[in-house]
Amino acid sequence: MGRIGVHEFITMDGVIESPSWSFDYSFDPKMGEAIAGIMASSTAILLGRRTYQEFAPSWSTRTAEDDPGAPFMNETPKYVVSASLQAADWSNSSILGRYSASTIRDLKDRVDGNIYVSGSGTLVRALFADGLVDDLHLFVYPLALGGGQRLFADTGPAAKFALAGSEAYGSGVLYLTYALAAPGHE
């Protein structure tokens, strides 16, 4: 059974929208190792439509020489949640249709390994609301934007997580790994 692991670049005030603000910070090689580790433990990718449409043209032309993450992004099976997308022409992509918690549960049952989610804010908030996120991989930037799309909805259900790991980088970015806390172990 697959586990859903969400990877996000996030500000201290919870903004995940358009993370071009992350370019103002140096990219520590250890951060690349951490992201590579998340990818290496994953056997599938789950994306929302907007993130898919942003990632497909960018990643599909990259090679391992361009970016060490390119083979994972291009060769791994990708599942896209979308009510409007008619075709998914990026290699190994399938459209799941409109968001449905039961469809995602079925996907988790079919996938042997972790399911990687990056970006996809609308999808991630729906996954949280339905209790389908197992792990969070947050790269927290020392920045508050004051506005923008946030990881957690203002009206979403409460959830408790247990810290599974942390790492600090010279740029001030923190890598925090959380697992969903088991009931009774909050």
N, C-alpha and C. Protein backbone atom coordinates (compact mmCIF):
# COMPACT_ATOMS: atom_id res chain seq x y z
N MET A 1 0.84 -1.18 0.00
CA MET A 1 0.00 0.00 0.00
C MET A 1 0.88 1.24 0.00
N GLY A 2 0.54 2.19 -0.85
CA GLY A 2 1.31 3.41 -0.96
C GLY A 2 1.02 4.39 0.16
N ARG A 3 2.00 5.23 0.41
CA ARG A 3 1.87 6.32 1.37
C ARG A 3 2.03 7.62 0.59
N ILE A 4 1.21 8.59 0.89
CA ILE A 4 1.31 9.88 0.22
C ILE A 4 2.23 10.79 1.02
N GLY A 5 3.28 11.25 0.35
CA GLY A 5 4.23 12.18 0.94
C GLY A 5 4.19 13.50 0.18
N VAL A 6 3.88 14.56 0.88
CA VAL A 6 3.78 15.89 0.28
C VAL A 6 5.08 16.64 0.50
N HIS A 7 5.63 17.20 -0.59
CA HIS A 7 6.86 17.99 -0.56
C HIS A 7 6.50 19.41 -0.95
N GLU A 8 6.82 20.37 -0.08
CA GLU A 8 6.50 21.77 -0.38
C GLU A 8 7.64 22.69 0.03
N PHE A 9 7.83 23.73 -0.77
CA PHE A 9 8.62 24.89 -0.36
C PHE A 9 7.59 25.83 0.26
N ILE A 10 7.86 26.30 1.48
CA ILE A 10 6.85 27.05 2.23
C ILE A 10 7.52 28.18 3.00
N THR A 11 6.80 29.29 3.14
CA THR A 11 7.31 30.41 3.94
C THR A 11 6.94 30.18 5.40
N MET A 12 7.51 30.98 6.28
CA MET A 12 7.20 30.84 7.70
C MET A 12 5.72 31.10 7.98
N ASP A 13 5.06 31.90 7.14
CA ASP A 13 3.64 32.16 7.36
C ASP A 13 2.74 31.24 6.52
N GLY A 14 3.32 30.15 6.01
CA GLY A 14 2.53 29.09 5.40
C GLY A 14 2.23 29.22 3.92
N VAL A 15 2.83 30.19 3.23
CA VAL A 15 2.55 30.40 1.81
C VAL A 15 3.35 29.41 0.96
N ILE A 16 2.65 28.77 0.01
CA ILE A 16 3.30 27.85 -0.93
C ILE A 16 3.16 28.33 -2.36
N GLU A 17 2.38 29.36 -2.58
CA GLU A 17 2.09 29.85 -3.92
C GLU A 17 3.34 30.38 -4.62
N SER A 18 3.48 30.03 -5.89
CA SER A 18 4.55 30.54 -6.76
C SER A 18 5.88 30.67 -6.03
N PRO A 19 6.52 29.56 -5.71
CA PRO A 19 7.72 29.62 -4.87
C PRO A 19 8.97 30.17 -5.56
N SER A 20 8.79 31.10 -6.49
CA SER A 20 9.96 31.75 -7.09
C SER A 20 10.72 32.54 -6.03
N TRP A 21 10.07 32.88 -4.92
CA TRP A 21 10.75 33.56 -3.82
C TRP A 21 11.88 32.72 -3.25
N SER A 22 11.85 31.41 -3.50
CA SER A 22 12.92 30.54 -2.99
C SER A 22 14.25 30.80 -3.71
N PHE A 23 14.20 31.44 -4.90
CA PHE A 23 15.41 31.71 -5.66
C PHE A 23 16.32 32.72 -4.96
N ASP A 24 15.77 33.48 -4.01
CA ASP A 24 16.58 34.47 -3.28
C ASP A 24 17.49 33.81 -2.25
N TYR A 25 17.38 32.50 -2.08
CA TYR A 25 18.16 31.77 -1.08
C TYR A 25 19.06 30.77 -1.79
N SER A 26 20.26 30.62 -1.27
CA SER A 26 21.18 29.66 -1.89
C SER A 26 20.63 28.24 -1.74
N PHE A 27 20.92 27.42 -2.74
CA PHE A 27 20.46 26.03 -2.73
C PHE A 27 21.59 25.16 -2.20
N ASP A 28 21.46 24.72 -0.97
CA ASP A 28 22.47 23.91 -0.32
C ASP A 28 22.47 22.51 -0.94
N PRO A 29 23.65 21.95 -1.26
CA PRO A 29 23.70 20.59 -1.82
C PRO A 29 23.00 19.56 -0.92
N LYS A 30 23.01 19.78 0.40
CA LYS A 30 22.32 18.85 1.31
C LYS A 30 20.81 18.91 1.10
N MET A 31 20.33 20.07 0.67
CA MET A 31 18.91 20.19 0.35
C MET A 31 18.59 19.34 -0.88
N GLY A 32 19.48 19.37 -1.86
CA GLY A 32 19.31 18.53 -3.04
C GLY A 32 19.32 17.06 -2.66
N GLU A 33 20.17 16.68 -1.72
CA GLU A 33 20.22 15.29 -1.25
C GLU A 33 18.90 14.90 -0.57
N ALA A 34 18.34 15.84 0.20
CA ALA A 34 17.08 15.55 0.89
C ALA A 34 15.95 15.35 -0.13
N ILE A 35 15.88 16.22 -1.14
CA ILE A 35 14.85 16.09 -2.16
C ILE A 35 15.06 14.80 -2.95
N ALA A 36 16.31 14.47 -3.26
CA ALA A 36 16.61 13.22 -3.96
C ALA A 36 16.16 12.02 -3.13
N GLY A 37 16.31 12.11 -1.82
CA GLY A 37 15.87 11.03 -0.94
C GLY A 37 14.37 10.84 -0.96
N ILE A 38 13.63 11.95 -1.00
CA ILE A 38 12.17 11.87 -1.08
C ILE A 38 11.78 11.19 -2.40
N MET A 39 12.42 11.63 -3.48
CA MET A 39 12.11 11.06 -4.79
C MET A 39 12.49 9.58 -4.85
N ALA A 40 13.66 9.23 -4.31
CA ALA A 40 14.14 7.84 -4.39
C ALA A 40 13.21 6.87 -3.67
N SER A 41 12.52 7.36 -2.64
CA SER A 41 11.62 6.47 -1.90
C SER A 41 10.23 6.40 -2.53
N SER A 42 10.03 7.11 -3.64
CA SER A 42 8.71 7.18 -4.27
C SER A 42 8.67 6.38 -5.57
N THR A 43 7.51 5.77 -5.80
CA THR A 43 7.32 4.98 -7.03
C THR A 43 6.23 5.55 -7.93
N ALA A 44 5.61 6.65 -7.49
CA ALA A 44 4.56 7.31 -8.27
C ALA A 44 4.52 8.78 -7.90
N ILE A 45 3.96 9.57 -8.81
CA ILE A 45 3.79 11.01 -8.61
C ILE A 45 2.30 11.32 -8.75
N LEU A 46 1.78 12.13 -7.83
CA LEU A 46 0.39 12.57 -7.87
C LEU A 46 0.40 14.09 -7.96
N LEU A 47 -0.30 14.63 -8.97
CA LEU A 47 -0.28 16.07 -9.20
C LEU A 47 -1.69 16.59 -9.47
N GLY A 48 -1.91 17.85 -9.09
CA GLY A 48 -3.11 18.55 -9.51
C GLY A 48 -2.90 19.08 -10.93
N ARG A 49 -3.98 19.50 -11.57
CA ARG A 49 -3.91 19.93 -12.97
C ARG A 49 -2.95 21.10 -13.18
N ARG A 50 -3.05 22.15 -12.38
CA ARG A 50 -2.19 23.32 -12.59
C ARG A 50 -0.72 22.97 -12.44
N THR A 51 -0.38 22.20 -11.42
CA THR A 51 1.03 21.82 -11.24
C THR A 51 1.48 20.93 -12.38
N TYR A 52 0.63 20.02 -12.81
CA TYR A 52 0.97 19.18 -13.96
C TYR A 52 1.27 20.04 -15.18
N GLN A 53 0.41 21.01 -15.44
CA GLN A 53 0.59 21.86 -16.62
C GLN A 53 1.83 22.76 -16.50
N GLU A 54 2.27 23.06 -15.29
CA GLU A 54 3.51 23.81 -15.09
C GLU A 54 4.72 22.89 -15.20
N PHE A 55 4.62 21.71 -14.62
CA PHE A 55 5.76 20.78 -14.59
C PHE A 55 6.03 20.14 -15.95
N ALA A 56 4.99 19.72 -16.66
CA ALA A 56 5.18 18.95 -17.90
C ALA A 56 6.11 19.63 -18.90
N PRO A 57 5.89 20.87 -19.28
CA PRO A 57 6.79 21.48 -20.27
C PRO A 57 8.19 21.73 -19.72
N SER A 58 8.28 21.95 -18.42
CA SER A 58 9.58 22.23 -17.82
C SER A 58 10.42 20.96 -17.65
N TRP A 59 9.81 19.92 -17.11
CA TRP A 59 10.56 18.69 -16.82
C TRP A 59 10.74 17.80 -18.04
N SER A 60 9.77 17.76 -18.94
CA SER A 60 9.81 16.79 -20.04
C SER A 60 11.01 16.97 -20.96
N THR A 61 11.59 18.13 -20.98
CA THR A 61 12.75 18.39 -21.85
C THR A 61 14.08 18.27 -21.12
N ARG A 62 14.03 18.06 -19.82
CA ARG A 62 15.27 17.97 -19.03
C ARG A 62 15.83 16.55 -19.05
N THR A 63 17.14 16.49 -18.98
CA THR A 63 17.84 15.21 -18.89
C THR A 63 18.55 15.14 -17.55
N ALA A 64 19.12 13.99 -17.23
CA ALA A 64 19.87 13.84 -15.99
C ALA A 64 21.05 14.81 -15.94
N GLU A 65 21.61 15.13 -17.10
CA GLU A 65 22.71 16.10 -17.14
C GLU A 65 22.23 17.49 -16.76
N ASP A 66 20.98 17.82 -17.12
CA ASP A 66 20.40 19.12 -16.78
C ASP A 66 20.04 19.20 -15.31
N ASP A 67 19.48 18.12 -14.79
CA ASP A 67 18.97 18.10 -13.42
C ASP A 67 18.91 16.64 -12.97
N PRO A 68 19.53 16.32 -11.84
CA PRO A 68 19.52 14.92 -11.39
C PRO A 68 18.12 14.38 -11.09
N GLY A 69 17.14 15.26 -10.91
CA GLY A 69 15.77 14.81 -10.65
C GLY A 69 14.99 14.48 -11.91
N ALA A 70 15.55 14.80 -13.08
CA ALA A 70 14.82 14.60 -14.34
C ALA A 70 14.41 13.16 -14.59
N PRO A 71 15.28 12.17 -14.39
CA PRO A 71 14.82 10.79 -14.63
C PRO A 71 13.61 10.41 -13.77
N PHE A 72 13.63 10.79 -12.50
CA PHE A 72 12.48 10.50 -11.64
C PHE A 72 11.23 11.17 -12.18
N MET A 73 11.32 12.45 -12.47
CA MET A 73 10.15 13.21 -12.90
C MET A 73 9.62 12.70 -14.25
N ASN A 74 10.49 12.28 -15.12
CA ASN A 74 10.06 11.87 -16.47
C ASN A 74 9.69 10.40 -16.58
N GLU A 75 10.33 9.54 -15.83
CA GLU A 75 10.12 8.10 -15.98
C GLU A 75 9.09 7.51 -15.01
N THR A 76 8.85 8.17 -13.90
CA THR A 76 7.94 7.66 -12.88
C THR A 76 6.49 7.82 -13.33
N PRO A 77 5.63 6.84 -13.05
CA PRO A 77 4.21 7.00 -13.37
C PRO A 77 3.63 8.22 -12.66
N LYS A 78 2.88 9.02 -13.43
CA LYS A 78 2.28 10.24 -12.91
C LYS A 78 0.77 10.13 -13.01
N TYR A 79 0.09 10.52 -11.94
CA TYR A 79 -1.36 10.49 -11.88
C TYR A 79 -1.83 11.92 -11.65
N VAL A 80 -2.73 12.38 -12.53
CA VAL A 80 -3.16 13.77 -12.51
C VAL A 80 -4.63 13.85 -12.12
N VAL A 81 -4.91 14.64 -11.09
CA VAL A 81 -6.28 14.87 -10.67
C VAL A 81 -6.78 16.10 -11.41
N SER A 82 -7.77 15.91 -12.27
CA SER A 82 -8.31 17.02 -13.04
C SER A 82 -9.68 16.66 -13.61
N ALA A 83 -10.61 17.60 -13.48
CA ALA A 83 -11.93 17.43 -14.08
C ALA A 83 -11.95 17.96 -15.51
N SER A 84 -10.94 18.77 -15.87
CA SER A 84 -10.99 19.43 -17.18
C SER A 84 -9.91 18.98 -18.16
N LEU A 85 -8.83 18.42 -17.69
CA LEU A 85 -7.74 18.01 -18.58
C LEU A 85 -8.19 16.82 -19.42
N GLN A 86 -8.05 16.93 -20.73
CA GLN A 86 -8.48 15.88 -21.64
C GLN A 86 -7.35 14.95 -22.05
N ALA A 87 -6.12 15.45 -22.04
CA ALA A 87 -4.98 14.63 -22.45
C ALA A 87 -3.79 14.94 -21.55
N ALA A 88 -3.00 13.92 -21.33
CA ALA A 88 -1.77 14.06 -20.53
C ALA A 88 -0.65 13.43 -21.35
N ASP A 89 0.10 14.28 -22.05
CA ASP A 89 1.10 13.75 -22.98
C ASP A 89 2.52 13.69 -22.42
N TRP A 90 2.72 14.06 -21.18
CA TRP A 90 4.02 13.90 -20.54
C TRP A 90 4.17 12.41 -20.26
N SER A 91 5.33 11.87 -20.53
CA SER A 91 5.55 10.42 -20.42
C SER A 91 5.01 9.83 -19.12
N ASN A 92 4.38 8.68 -19.24
CA ASN A 92 3.87 7.90 -18.11
C ASN A 92 2.82 8.64 -17.29
N SER A 93 1.99 9.47 -17.93
CA SER A 93 0.97 10.23 -17.22
C SER A 93 -0.42 9.65 -17.49
N SER A 94 -1.23 9.64 -16.44
CA SER A 94 -2.62 9.19 -16.53
C SER A 94 -3.50 10.21 -15.82
N ILE A 95 -4.68 10.46 -16.37
CA ILE A 95 -5.62 11.38 -15.75
C ILE A 95 -6.60 10.56 -14.90
N LEU A 96 -6.71 10.93 -13.62
CA LEU A 96 -7.62 10.24 -12.70
C LEU A 96 -9.03 10.80 -12.77
N GLY A 97 -9.20 12.00 -13.30
CA GLY A 97 -10.51 12.65 -13.31
C GLY A 97 -10.65 13.59 -12.13
N ARG A 98 -11.89 14.00 -11.91
CA ARG A 98 -12.22 14.91 -10.80
C ARG A 98 -11.74 14.31 -9.48
N TYR A 99 -11.36 15.18 -8.53
CA TYR A 99 -10.90 14.69 -7.23
C TYR A 99 -11.98 13.84 -6.56
N SER A 100 -11.55 12.71 -6.08
CA SER A 100 -12.42 11.80 -5.33
C SER A 100 -11.54 11.09 -4.30
N ALA A 101 -11.93 11.18 -3.05
CA ALA A 101 -11.15 10.52 -2.00
C ALA A 101 -11.06 9.02 -2.25
N SER A 102 -12.13 8.41 -2.73
CA SER A 102 -12.10 6.96 -2.98
C SER A 102 -11.13 6.63 -4.13
N THR A 103 -11.04 7.48 -5.13
CA THR A 103 -10.08 7.25 -6.22
C THR A 103 -8.65 7.31 -5.68
N ILE A 104 -8.38 8.25 -4.79
CA ILE A 104 -7.04 8.37 -4.21
C ILE A 104 -6.76 7.18 -3.30
N ARG A 105 -7.74 6.74 -2.54
CA ARG A 105 -7.55 5.55 -1.70
C ARG A 105 -7.24 4.33 -2.56
N ASP A 106 -7.94 4.20 -3.68
CA ASP A 106 -7.68 3.09 -4.61
C ASP A 106 -6.27 3.18 -5.16
N LEU A 107 -5.82 4.39 -5.48
CA LEU A 107 -4.46 4.58 -5.98
C LEU A 107 -3.45 4.16 -4.91
N LYS A 108 -3.68 4.56 -3.67
CA LYS A 108 -2.79 4.16 -2.58
C LYS A 108 -2.74 2.64 -2.45
N ASP A 109 -3.87 1.98 -2.65
CA ASP A 109 -3.93 0.52 -2.57
C ASP A 109 -3.15 -0.14 -3.70
N ARG A 110 -3.15 0.48 -4.88
CA ARG A 110 -2.49 -0.09 -6.06
C ARG A 110 -0.99 0.16 -6.10
N VAL A 111 -0.54 1.26 -5.54
CA VAL A 111 0.87 1.64 -5.63
C VAL A 111 1.67 0.96 -4.53
N ASP A 112 2.73 0.33 -4.94
CA ASP A 112 3.64 -0.30 -3.99
C ASP A 112 4.81 0.66 -3.76
N GLY A 113 4.72 1.45 -2.72
CA GLY A 113 5.74 2.45 -2.44
C GLY A 113 5.10 3.80 -2.16
N ASN A 114 5.95 4.80 -2.01
CA ASN A 114 5.46 6.14 -1.70
C ASN A 114 4.95 6.85 -2.94
N ILE A 115 3.99 7.73 -2.72
CA ILE A 115 3.42 8.57 -3.78
C ILE A 115 3.85 10.00 -3.49
N TYR A 116 4.60 10.57 -4.42
CA TYR A 116 5.20 11.90 -4.26
C TYR A 116 4.24 12.97 -4.77
N VAL A 117 4.00 13.98 -3.93
CA VAL A 117 3.19 15.13 -4.33
C VAL A 117 4.03 16.37 -4.11
N SER A 118 4.13 17.21 -5.12
CA SER A 118 4.85 18.47 -5.01
C SER A 118 3.93 19.58 -5.50
N GLY A 119 3.96 20.72 -4.80
CA GLY A 119 3.06 21.80 -5.19
C GLY A 119 1.63 21.34 -5.02
N SER A 120 0.80 21.58 -6.04
CA SER A 120 -0.57 21.04 -6.08
C SER A 120 -1.39 21.43 -4.85
N GLY A 121 -1.37 22.72 -4.50
CA GLY A 121 -2.01 23.20 -3.29
C GLY A 121 -3.46 22.81 -3.12
N THR A 122 -4.27 22.97 -4.16
CA THR A 122 -5.69 22.62 -4.08
C THR A 122 -5.86 21.13 -3.80
N LEU A 123 -5.09 20.31 -4.51
CA LEU A 123 -5.14 18.87 -4.30
C LEU A 123 -4.69 18.52 -2.88
N VAL A 124 -3.60 19.11 -2.43
CA VAL A 124 -3.07 18.79 -1.10
C VAL A 124 -4.07 19.15 -0.01
N ARG A 125 -4.73 20.29 -0.14
CA ARG A 125 -5.74 20.65 0.87
C ARG A 125 -6.89 19.64 0.87
N ALA A 126 -7.29 19.14 -0.30
CA ALA A 126 -8.34 18.11 -0.36
C ALA A 126 -7.84 16.82 0.28
N LEU A 127 -6.60 16.45 0.01
CA LEU A 127 -6.02 15.24 0.61
C LEU A 127 -5.99 15.36 2.13
N PHE A 128 -5.61 16.54 2.65
CA PHE A 128 -5.63 16.76 4.10
C PHE A 128 -7.04 16.61 4.65
N ALA A 129 -8.00 17.24 3.98
CA ALA A 129 -9.39 17.20 4.45
C ALA A 129 -9.91 15.77 4.55
N ASP A 130 -9.42 14.90 3.67
CA ASP A 130 -9.86 13.51 3.67
C ASP A 130 -8.91 12.56 4.41
N GLY A 131 -7.94 13.11 5.11
CA GLY A 131 -7.02 12.30 5.91
C GLY A 131 -6.13 11.39 5.08
N LEU A 132 -5.76 11.82 3.87
CA LEU A 132 -4.99 10.96 2.96
C LEU A 132 -3.50 11.26 2.91
N VAL A 133 -3.05 12.30 3.60
CA VAL A 133 -1.62 12.62 3.62
C VAL A 133 -0.97 11.84 4.75
N ASP A 134 0.10 11.14 4.42
CA ASP A 134 0.82 10.35 5.43
C ASP A 134 2.06 11.07 5.95
N ASP A 135 2.77 11.76 5.06
CA ASP A 135 4.02 12.41 5.43
C ASP A 135 4.11 13.80 4.81
N LEU A 136 4.71 14.73 5.55
CA LEU A 136 4.96 16.08 5.06
C LEU A 136 6.47 16.31 5.01
N HIS A 137 6.93 16.84 3.90
CA HIS A 137 8.33 17.21 3.73
C HIS A 137 8.33 18.70 3.42
N LEU A 138 8.57 19.51 4.44
CA LEU A 138 8.49 20.96 4.30
C LEU A 138 9.88 21.58 4.31
N PHE A 139 10.14 22.39 3.30
CA PHE A 139 11.35 23.20 3.25
C PHE A 139 10.89 24.61 3.60
N VAL A 140 11.12 25.01 4.86
CA VAL A 140 10.60 26.26 5.39
C VAL A 140 11.64 27.36 5.20
N TYR A 141 11.24 28.38 4.44
CA TYR A 141 12.13 29.52 4.14
C TYR A 141 11.92 30.63 5.16
N PRO A 142 13.00 31.29 5.58
CA PRO A 142 12.91 32.34 6.60
C PRO A 142 12.34 33.63 6.01
N LEU A 143 11.07 33.58 5.69
CA LEU A 143 10.41 34.65 4.97
C LEU A 143 8.93 34.61 5.30
N ALA A 144 8.32 35.79 5.48
CA ALA A 144 6.87 35.90 5.63
C ALA A 144 6.38 36.80 4.53
N LEU A 145 5.47 36.30 3.71
CA LEU A 145 4.96 37.07 2.58
C LEU A 145 3.70 37.86 2.92
N GLY A 146 2.99 37.45 3.96
CA GLY A 146 1.79 38.16 4.35
C GLY A 146 0.55 37.80 3.57
N GLY A 147 0.71 37.23 2.39
CA GLY A 147 -0.44 36.84 1.60
C GLY A 147 -0.04 35.84 0.55
N GLY A 148 -1.01 35.12 0.04
CA GLY A 148 -0.76 34.10 -0.96
C GLY A 148 -1.41 32.79 -0.55
N GLN A 149 -1.43 31.86 -1.48
CA GLN A 149 -2.05 30.56 -1.22
C GLN A 149 -1.25 29.84 -0.14
N ARG A 150 -1.96 29.39 0.87
CA ARG A 150 -1.31 28.71 2.00
C ARG A 150 -1.51 27.20 1.90
N LEU A 151 -0.64 26.49 2.58
CA LEU A 151 -0.71 25.03 2.57
C LEU A 151 -2.00 24.53 3.22
N PHE A 152 -2.35 25.10 4.35
CA PHE A 152 -3.54 24.63 5.07
C PHE A 152 -4.68 25.63 4.89
N ALA A 153 -5.87 25.10 4.63
CA ALA A 153 -7.06 25.93 4.47
C ALA A 153 -7.48 26.47 5.83
N ASP A 154 -8.04 27.68 5.83
CA ASP A 154 -8.52 28.27 7.07
C ASP A 154 -9.63 27.46 7.71
N THR A 155 -10.37 26.73 6.90
CA THR A 155 -11.53 25.98 7.40
C THR A 155 -11.30 24.48 7.41
N GLY A 156 -10.07 24.05 7.19
CA GLY A 156 -9.78 22.63 7.12
C GLY A 156 -9.87 21.95 8.47
N PRO A 157 -9.90 20.62 8.44
CA PRO A 157 -9.97 19.87 9.70
C PRO A 157 -8.62 19.93 10.43
N ALA A 158 -8.69 19.77 11.73
CA ALA A 158 -7.47 19.73 12.54
C ALA A 158 -6.74 18.42 12.25
N ALA A 159 -5.43 18.48 12.28
CA ALA A 159 -4.60 17.28 12.11
C ALA A 159 -3.36 17.43 12.97
N LYS A 160 -2.91 16.34 13.54
CA LYS A 160 -1.70 16.37 14.35
C LYS A 160 -0.63 15.54 13.66
N PHE A 161 0.58 16.06 13.71
CA PHE A 161 1.71 15.40 13.08
C PHE A 161 2.82 15.22 14.10
N ALA A 162 3.64 14.22 13.87
CA ALA A 162 4.79 13.96 14.73
C ALA A 162 6.05 14.28 13.93
N LEU A 163 6.95 15.03 14.54
CA LEU A 163 8.21 15.37 13.89
C LEU A 163 9.02 14.09 13.67
N ALA A 164 9.40 13.85 12.42
CA ALA A 164 10.17 12.65 12.09
C ALA A 164 11.62 12.98 11.77
N GLY A 165 11.91 14.25 11.50
CA GLY A 165 13.28 14.64 11.20
C GLY A 165 13.38 16.12 10.94
N SER A 166 14.59 16.65 11.09
CA SER A 166 14.82 18.07 10.80
C SER A 166 16.27 18.27 10.39
N GLU A 167 16.45 19.29 9.58
CA GLU A 167 17.79 19.63 9.10
C GLU A 167 17.79 21.12 8.81
N ALA A 168 18.87 21.80 9.19
CA ALA A 168 19.00 23.24 8.94
C ALA A 168 20.09 23.47 7.91
N TYR A 169 19.87 24.44 7.04
CA TYR A 169 20.85 24.79 6.01
C TYR A 169 21.39 26.19 6.28
N GLY A 170 22.57 26.47 5.77
CA GLY A 170 23.23 27.75 5.98
C GLY A 170 22.41 28.95 5.52
N SER A 171 21.51 28.75 4.57
CA SER A 171 20.67 29.83 4.05
C SER A 171 19.56 30.21 5.02
N GLY A 172 19.39 29.42 6.08
CA GLY A 172 18.29 29.65 7.02
C GLY A 172 17.08 28.78 6.73
N VAL A 173 17.11 28.03 5.64
CA VAL A 173 16.01 27.13 5.31
C VAL A 173 16.06 25.92 6.24
N LEU A 174 14.90 25.51 6.71
CA LEU A 174 14.77 24.31 7.54
C LEU A 174 14.03 23.25 6.75
N TYR A 175 14.52 22.02 6.83
CA TYR A 175 13.81 20.88 6.25
C TYR A 175 13.18 20.12 7.41
N LEU A 176 11.87 20.10 7.44
CA LEU A 176 11.12 19.44 8.50
C LEU A 176 10.30 18.31 7.91
N THR A 177 10.45 17.13 8.48
CA THR A 177 9.69 15.98 8.04
C THR A 177 8.71 15.60 9.15
N TYR A 178 7.45 15.47 8.77
CA TYR A 178 6.41 15.10 9.72
C TYR A 178 5.66 13.89 9.21
N ALA A 179 5.23 13.05 10.15
CA ALA A 179 4.35 11.93 9.84
C ALA A 179 3.03 12.20 10.54
N LEU A 180 1.96 11.76 9.92
CA LEU A 180 0.65 11.89 10.57
C LEU A 180 0.69 11.15 11.90
N ALA A 181 0.32 11.81 12.97
CA ALA A 181 0.34 11.18 14.29
C ALA A 181 -0.76 10.14 14.37
N ALA A 182 -0.41 8.98 14.86
CA ALA A 182 -1.40 7.91 15.03
C ALA A 182 -2.39 8.34 16.11
N PRO A 183 -3.66 8.00 15.95
CA PRO A 183 -4.65 8.34 16.98
C PRO A 183 -4.19 7.86 18.35
N GLY A 184 -4.29 8.72 19.34
CA GLY A 184 -3.86 8.37 20.69
C GLY A 184 -2.39 8.64 20.93
N HIS A 185 -1.65 9.07 19.88
CA HIS A 185 -0.22 9.36 20.02
C HIS A 185 0.09 10.80 19.68
N GLU A 186 -0.89 11.66 19.80
CA GLU A 186 -0.68 13.06 19.48
C GLU A 186 0.22 13.60 20.51
